[in-house]
Amino acid sequence: MEVLHAAVRRRAPQVAAAIVLDAEAGLRRLCVTYRDAGPYAVGWGGTAYEWRSGPASGLPLPADPERAADSIAAALGALTRQEPSAP
C-alpha cells in the first residue's frame, strides 16, 4: 500500500489519501477522497489493485501503482500530473 499511496500523492496531490487498517479483514487499505467523491477504499487483490468500496467496488485497477494512481484520480474526477518525457 505504501507504493500506491506514494504514487497517488505524486500523481494527484490534490487527492486525500491515507493508509488505513481494515480491522475486519486485518489488511491495510488505501482510503481516497477528492472533493465530494469518497471516501473509497482500494486494496490489493493478489495480482492487481481493486476498489474495495464505492460505486466501483470489486472492479480491478492496474497492477502498476502509477497507472492505478491515474485510474483512481480519474474515477474521483481529479487531474493527474504528467511525468516529463525523456529527452
Protein backbone atom coordinates (compact mmCIF):
# COMPACT_ATOMS: atom_id res chain seq x y z
CA MET A 1 0.00 0.00 0.00
CA GLU A 2 2.90 2.37 0.62
CA VAL A 3 3.89 2.31 -3.06
CA LEU A 4 0.34 3.07 -4.22
CA HIS A 5 -0.02 5.77 -1.56
CA ALA A 6 3.19 7.44 -2.77
CA ALA A 7 2.04 7.19 -6.40
CA VAL A 8 -1.32 8.83 -5.64
CA ARG A 9 0.39 11.62 -3.68
CA ARG A 10 2.84 12.16 -6.54
CA ARG A 11 0.42 11.85 -9.48
CA ALA A 12 -2.63 13.56 -7.92
CA PRO A 13 -1.52 15.57 -4.87
CA GLN A 14 -4.97 17.14 -4.51
CA VAL A 15 -6.45 13.72 -3.66
CA ALA A 16 -6.57 12.99 0.07
CA ALA A 17 -5.03 9.54 0.56
CA ALA A 18 -4.34 7.62 3.76
CA ILE A 19 -3.39 4.05 4.56
CA VAL A 20 -5.94 2.60 6.98
CA LEU A 21 -6.35 -0.77 8.67
CA ASP A 22 -9.42 -2.78 7.70
CA ALA A 23 -9.95 -4.28 11.16
CA GLU A 24 -12.47 -6.83 9.88
CA ALA A 25 -10.13 -8.24 7.23
CA GLY A 26 -6.89 -7.44 9.07
CA LEU A 27 -5.48 -5.83 5.92
CA ARG A 28 -4.33 -2.35 5.04
CA ARG A 29 -6.32 -0.34 2.51
CA LEU A 30 -5.77 2.99 0.82
CA CYS A 31 -8.61 5.39 1.59
CA VAL A 32 -9.01 8.08 -1.09
CA THR A 33 -11.19 11.19 -1.24
CA TYR A 34 -11.42 14.14 -3.61
CA ARG A 35 -13.94 16.94 -3.14
CA ASP A 36 -17.32 15.22 -2.76
CA ALA A 37 -16.12 11.84 -4.10
CA GLY A 38 -15.31 9.27 -1.45
CA PRO A 39 -14.05 8.18 0.88
CA TYR A 40 -13.43 4.98 -1.06
CA ALA A 41 -11.13 2.10 -0.18
CA VAL A 42 -8.61 0.47 -2.52
CA GLY A 43 -6.90 -2.84 -1.71
CA TRP A 44 -4.56 -5.39 -3.22
CA GLY A 45 -6.32 -8.35 -4.83
CA GLY A 46 -3.29 -10.63 -5.20
CA THR A 47 -2.44 -9.69 -8.79
CA ALA A 48 -3.75 -6.12 -9.06
CA TYR A 49 -5.22 -3.31 -7.01
CA GLU A 50 -9.01 -3.20 -6.76
CA TRP A 51 -11.74 -0.97 -5.46
CA ARG A 52 -13.00 -2.25 -2.08
CA SER A 53 -15.80 0.28 -1.63
CA GLY A 54 -17.77 2.85 -3.57
CA PRO A 55 -19.61 2.58 -6.88
CA ALA A 56 -16.78 0.57 -8.48
CA SER A 57 -16.41 -1.86 -5.54
CA GLY A 58 -14.88 -5.14 -6.70
CA LEU A 59 -13.62 -3.77 -10.00
CA PRO A 60 -9.91 -4.13 -10.77
CA LEU A 61 -7.35 -1.36 -11.08
CA PRO A 62 -3.99 -1.73 -12.86
CA ALA A 63 -1.26 -3.67 -11.04
CA ASP A 64 1.23 -0.88 -11.77
CA PRO A 65 0.98 1.69 -8.95
CA GLU A 66 1.45 4.71 -11.25
CA ARG A 67 -1.29 3.55 -13.63
CA ALA A 68 -3.51 2.64 -10.67
CA ALA A 69 -2.98 6.13 -9.22
CA ASP A 70 -4.02 7.67 -12.54
CA SER A 71 -7.13 5.47 -12.64
CA ILE A 72 -8.02 6.39 -9.05
CA ALA A 73 -7.62 10.10 -9.79
CA ALA A 74 -9.76 9.82 -12.93
CA ALA A 75 -12.50 7.96 -11.07
CA LEU A 76 -12.56 10.69 -8.42
CA GLY A 77 -12.57 13.49 -11.01
CA ALA A 78 -9.08 14.75 -10.17
CA LEU A 79 -6.41 15.77 -12.65
CA THR A 80 -3.05 13.99 -12.65
CA ARG A 81 0.44 15.34 -13.06
CA GLN A 82 2.04 14.18 -16.26
CA GLU A 83 5.60 12.95 -16.00
CA PRO A 84 8.05 14.89 -18.20
CA SER A 85 9.00 12.90 -21.27
CA ALA A 86 12.56 11.66 -21.53
CA PRO A 87 14.84 13.59 -23.93
